[in-house]
C-alpha atoms as a PDB file:
ATOM      1  CA  UNK A   1     199.949  99.792 110.421  1.00  0.00           C
ATOM      2  CA  UNK A   2     199.908 101.392 107.078  1.00  0.00           C
ATOM      3  CA  UNK A   3     199.422  97.904 105.104  1.00  0.00           C
ATOM      4  CA  UNK A   4     196.652  96.758 107.837  1.00  0.00           C
ATOM      5  CA  UNK A   5     194.966 100.256 107.031  1.00  0.00           C
ATOM      6  CA  UNK A   6     194.921  99.282 103.189  1.00  0.00           C
ATOM      7  CA  UNK A   7     193.840  95.826 103.651  1.00  0.00           C
ATOM      8  CA  UNK A   8     191.410  96.922 106.166  1.00  0.00           C
ATOM      9  CA  UNK A   9     190.236  99.920 103.644  1.00  0.00           C
ATOM     10  CA  UNK A  10     190.136  97.145 100.719  1.00  0.00           C
ATOM     11  CA  UNK A  11     188.137  94.682 102.637  1.00  0.00           C
ATOM     12  CA  UNK A  12     185.476  97.529 103.629  1.00  0.00           C
ATOM     13  CA  UNK A  13     185.202  98.798  99.647  1.00  0.00           C
ATOM     14  CA  UNK A  14     184.854  94.587  98.756  1.00  0.00           C
ATOM     15  CA  UNK A  15     182.019  94.217 100.729  1.00  0.00           C
ATOM     16  CA  UNK A  16     180.173  97.390 100.091  1.00  0.00           C
ATOM     17  CA  UNK A  17     180.889  96.416  95.949  1.00  0.00           C
ATOM     18  CA  UNK A  18     179.373  92.829  97.008  1.00  0.00           C
ATOM     19  CA  UNK A  19     176.332  94.359  98.846  1.00  0.00           C
ATOM     20  CA  UNK A  20     175.378  96.768  95.580  1.00  0.00           C
ATOM     21  CA  UNK A  21     176.353  93.921  93.419  1.00  0.00           C
ATOM     22  CA  UNK A  22     173.318  91.805  94.921  1.00  0.00           C
ATOM     23  CA  UNK A  23     171.122  94.950  95.584  1.00  0.00           C
ATOM     24  CA  UNK A  24     170.692  95.057  91.811  1.00  0.00           C
ATOM     25  CA  UNK A  25     168.855  92.341  90.792  1.00  0.00           C
ATOM     26  CA  UNK A  26     166.704  93.167  93.999  1.00  0.00           C
ATOM     27  CA  UNK A  27     165.346  96.615  93.166  1.00  0.00           C
ATOM     28  CA  UNK A  28     164.844  95.739  88.941  1.00  0.00           C
ATOM     29  CA  UNK A  29     163.098  92.489  90.742  1.00  0.00           C
ATOM     30  CA  UNK A  30     160.613  94.913  92.507  1.00  0.00           C
ATOM     31  CA  UNK A  31     160.244  97.879  89.976  1.00  0.00           C
ATOM     32  CA  UNK A  32     158.736  94.744  87.564  1.00  0.00           C
ATOM     33  CA  UNK A  33     156.216  94.394  89.757  1.00  0.00           C
ATOM     34  CA  UNK A  34     152.604  95.965  89.748  1.00  0.00           C
ATOM     35  CA  UNK A  35     150.665  96.305  93.089  1.00  0.00           C
ATOM     36  CA  UNK A  36     147.383  96.013  92.901  1.00  0.00           C
ATOM     37  CA  UNK A  37     144.926  97.506  95.719  1.00  0.00           C
ATOM     38  CA  UNK A  38     142.435  95.072  97.089  1.00  0.00           C
ATOM     39  CA  UNK A  39     139.649  96.554  96.246  1.00  0.00           C
ATOM     40  CA  UNK A  40     135.820  96.212  97.911  1.00  0.00           C
ATOM     41  CA  UNK A  41     133.084  96.715  95.547  1.00  0.00           C
ATOM     42  CA  UNK A  42     130.840  98.279  98.218  1.00  0.00           C
ATOM     43  CA  UNK A  43     133.125 101.052  98.447  1.00  0.00           C
ATOM     44  CA  UNK A  44     132.115 102.064  94.935  1.00  0.00           C
ATOM     45  CA  UNK A  45     128.388 100.715  95.026  1.00  0.00           C
ATOM     46  CA  UNK A  46     125.323 103.448  93.955  1.00  0.00           C
ATOM     47  CA  UNK A  47     123.528 104.476  96.755  1.00  0.00           C
ATOM     48  CA  UNK A  48     119.699 104.332  96.762  1.00  0.00           C
ATOM     49  CA  UNK A  49     117.458 107.459  98.628  1.00  0.00           C
ATOM     50  CA  UNK A  50     113.890 107.257  99.445  1.00  0.00           C
ATOM     51  CA  UNK A  51     113.177 110.586  99.106  1.00  0.00           C
ATOM     52  CA  UNK A  52     109.422 109.639 100.039  1.00  0.00           C
ATOM     53  CA  UNK A  53     106.517 107.243 100.281  1.00  0.00           C
ATOM     54  CA  UNK A  54     102.924 108.224  99.138  1.00  0.00           C
ATOM     55  CA  UNK A  55     100.732 106.030 100.985  1.00  0.00           C
ATOM     56  CA  UNK A  56      97.409 107.108  99.640  1.00  0.00           C
ATOM     57  CA  UNK A  57      95.014 105.820  98.206  1.00  0.00           C
ATOM     58  CA  UNK A  58      96.311 102.716  99.599  1.00  0.00           C
ATOM     59  CA  UNK A  59      94.425 101.438 102.440  1.00  0.00           C
ATOM     60  CA  UNK A  60      93.561  97.968 105.067  1.00  0.00           C
ATOM     61  CA  UNK A  61      91.746  95.973 101.972  1.00  0.00           C
ATOM     62  CA  UNK A  62      92.626  97.439  99.117  1.00  0.00           C
ATOM     63  CA  UNK A  63      95.246  96.615  96.503  1.00  0.00           C
ATOM     64  CA  UNK A  64      95.557  99.935  95.508  1.00  0.00           C
ATOM     65  CA  UNK A  65      99.709 100.862  95.243  1.00  0.00           C
ATOM     66  CA  UNK A  66     101.942 103.649  96.733  1.00  0.00           C
ATOM     67  CA  UNK A  67     104.209 105.732  95.359  1.00  0.00           C
ATOM     68  CA  UNK A  68     107.708 106.033  96.169  1.00  0.00           C
ATOM     69  CA  UNK A  69     109.813 108.575  95.086  1.00  0.00           C
ATOM     70  CA  UNK A  70     113.557 107.364  94.737  1.00  0.00           C
ATOM     71  CA  UNK A  71     117.235 108.702  93.417  1.00  0.00           C
ATOM     72  CA  UNK A  72     120.240 106.235  92.553  1.00  0.00           C
ATOM     73  CA  UNK A  73     123.481 108.229  93.314  1.00  0.00           C
ATOM     74  CA  UNK A  74     126.915 106.507  92.369  1.00  0.00           C
ATOM     75  CA  UNK A  75     129.197 106.731  94.898  1.00  0.00           C
ATOM     76  CA  UNK A  76     132.523 107.240  92.594  1.00  0.00           C
ATOM     77  CA  UNK A  77     130.530 110.604  90.545  1.00  0.00           C
ATOM     78  CA  UNK A  78     128.507 111.872  93.656  1.00  0.00           C
ATOM     79  CA  UNK A  79     126.318 112.161  90.400  1.00  0.00           C
ATOM     80  CA  UNK A  80     122.447 110.897  90.542  1.00  0.00           C
ATOM     81  CA  UNK A  81     122.062 108.194  87.745  1.00  0.00           C
ATOM     82  CA  UNK A  82     119.782 108.868  84.895  1.00  0.00           C
ATOM     83  CA  UNK A  83     118.366 107.324  82.068  1.00  0.00           C
ATOM     84  CA  UNK A  84     116.573 103.715  84.486  1.00  0.00           C
ATOM     85  CA  UNK A  85     113.621 101.834  83.699  1.00  0.00           C
ATOM     86  CA  UNK A  86     111.723  99.157  85.471  1.00  0.00           C
ATOM     87  CA  UNK A  87     114.379  96.554  84.639  1.00  0.00           C
ATOM     88  CA  UNK A  88     116.718  98.778  86.965  1.00  0.00           C
ATOM     89  CA  UNK A  89     114.252  98.024  90.137  1.00  0.00           C
ATOM     90  CA  UNK A  90     113.026  95.140  91.766  1.00  0.00           C
ATOM     91  CA  UNK A  91     110.918  94.520  95.158  1.00  0.00           C
ATOM     92  CA  UNK A  92     111.274  91.451  97.423  1.00  0.00           C
ATOM     93  CA  UNK A  93     108.611  90.738  99.770  1.00  0.00           C
ATOM     94  CA  UNK A  94     104.465  90.219  99.303  1.00  0.00           C
ATOM     95  CA  UNK A  95     104.368  93.251  95.950  1.00  0.00           C
ATOM     96  CA  UNK A  96     105.868  94.103  93.298  1.00  0.00           C
ATOM     97  CA  UNK A  97     106.389  97.749  90.695  1.00  0.00           C
ATOM     98  CA  UNK A  98     103.670  98.485  88.360  1.00  0.00           C
ATOM     99  CA  UNK A  99     105.182 101.448  87.152  1.00  0.00           C
ATOM    100  CA  UNK A 100     108.279 103.299  87.187  1.00  0.00           C
ATOM    101  CA  UNK A 101     108.231 106.962  86.298  1.00  0.00           C
ATOM    102  CA  UNK A 102     111.432 109.314  85.513  1.00  0.00           C
ATOM    103  CA  UNK A 103     111.541 112.615  86.962  1.00  0.00           C
ATOM    104  CA  UNK A 104     114.172 115.163  86.194  1.00  0.00           C
ATOM    105  CA  UNK A 105     114.043 118.681  87.342  1.00  0.00           C
ATOM    106  CA  UNK A 106     116.573 121.346  86.770  1.00  0.00           C
ATOM    107  CA  UNK A 107     116.504 124.647  87.999  1.00  0.00           C
ATOM    108  CA  UNK A 108     118.928 127.517  87.419  1.00  0.00           C
ATOM    109  CA  UNK A 109     122.832 126.841  89.336  1.00  0.00           C
ATOM    110  CA  UNK A 110     121.737 124.018  90.532  1.00  0.00           C
ATOM    111  CA  UNK A 111     123.011 120.302  89.806  1.00  0.00           C
ATOM    112  CA  UNK A 112     120.133 117.326  87.674  1.00  0.00           C
ATOM    113  CA  UNK A 113     118.371 115.368  89.371  1.00  0.00           C
ATOM    114  CA  UNK A 114     117.196 112.128  88.137  1.00  0.00           C
ATOM    115  CA  UNK A 115     114.454 110.641  90.322  1.00  0.00           C
ATOM    116  CA  UNK A 116     112.037 108.070  89.920  1.00  0.00           C
ATOM    117  CA  UNK A 117     108.495 107.502  90.910  1.00  0.00           C
ATOM    118  CA  UNK A 118     107.494 103.606  91.489  1.00  0.00           C
ATOM    119  CA  UNK A 119     104.134 102.341  91.968  1.00  0.00           C
ATOM    120  CA  UNK A 120     103.999  99.229  94.306  1.00  0.00           C
ATOM    121  CA  UNK A 121     101.069  96.909  94.989  1.00  0.00           C
ATOM    122  CA  UNK A 122     100.645  94.481  96.923  1.00  0.00           C
ATOM    123  CA  UNK A 123     100.134  90.879  96.007  1.00  0.00           C
ATOM    124  CA  UNK A 124      97.088  90.382  98.125  1.00  0.00           C
ATOM    125  CA  UNK A 125      95.331  93.211  99.707  1.00  0.00           C
ATOM    126  CA  UNK A 126      96.899  95.648 102.109  1.00  0.00           C
ATOM    127  CA  UNK A 127      96.787  94.732 105.827  1.00  0.00           C
ATOM    128  CA  UNK A 128      96.776  97.068 108.806  1.00  0.00           C
ATOM    129  CA  UNK A 129     100.521  97.551 110.204  1.00  0.00           C
ATOM    130  CA  UNK A 130     104.364  98.250 108.955  1.00  0.00           C
ATOM    131  CA  UNK A 131     105.338  97.187 106.704  1.00  0.00           C
ATOM    132  CA  UNK A 132     109.230  96.928 104.620  1.00  0.00           C
ATOM    133  CA  UNK A 133     109.717  95.756 101.262  1.00  0.00           C
ATOM    134  CA  UNK A 134     112.975  95.167 100.127  1.00  0.00           C
ATOM    135  CA  UNK A 135     114.172  97.697  96.733  1.00  0.00           C
ATOM    136  CA  UNK A 136     116.790  96.971  94.634  1.00  0.00           C
ATOM    137  CA  UNK A 137     118.957  98.453  92.336  1.00  0.00           C
ATOM    138  CA  UNK A 138     120.126  96.092  89.250  1.00  0.00           C
ATOM    139  CA  UNK A 139     122.157  97.079  86.936  1.00  0.00           C
ATOM    140  CA  UNK A 140     123.400  94.377  83.890  1.00  0.00           C
ATOM    141  CA  UNK A 141     121.482  91.513  85.629  1.00  0.00           C
ATOM    142  CA  UNK A 142     123.443  92.306  89.075  1.00  0.00           C
ATOM    143  CA  UNK A 143     121.588  93.746  91.874  1.00  0.00           C
ATOM    144  CA  UNK A 144     124.253  96.859  93.285  1.00  0.00           C
ATOM    145  CA  UNK A 145     122.095  98.257  95.807  1.00  0.00           C
ATOM    146  CA  UNK A 146     119.370  98.431  97.787  1.00  0.00           C
ATOM    147  CA  UNK A 147     117.523 100.342 100.796  1.00  0.00           C
ATOM    148  CA  UNK A 148     114.423  98.909 102.892  1.00  0.00           C
ATOM    149  CA  UNK A 149     111.255 100.648 102.290  1.00  0.00           C
ATOM    150  CA  UNK A 150     109.110 101.148 105.784  1.00  0.00           C
ATOM    151  CA  UNK A 151     105.698 102.211 106.130  1.00  0.00           C
ATOM    152  CA  UNK A 152     102.716 101.979 107.488  1.00  0.00           C
ATOM    153  CA  UNK A 153      98.660 101.270 106.153  1.00  0.00           C
END
């Protein structure tokens, strides 16, 4: 009986030793792998806030521009993106951007905001009705965000 217990203990130790030896290469193999998470670019894309659409002096039959107050916010830092110009904005639709005016406002104990006044003129005279124009934010030649401007003339 003593020999059987010794033999059984030897077999258990042998099985444990084999498992340990087999486990070492697998652990080493996994420790060298770098797992990169799949990132959705939309999670990090900036977004466009439309603060105000000023219709006047645009009216049916004329081609005077509307004015749109927007700011672009980084989803990563939650800060407004400053230093933009006309090359950072594009209109999709029967209109075009005539001017971009940056507006910076700093108040005591308030974060800095960088708003932009966009003057948008139609390609032909305005008609009475509801208009929808797509505004794109572009950086490095790539469209990063867009929104739809909806207004009534």
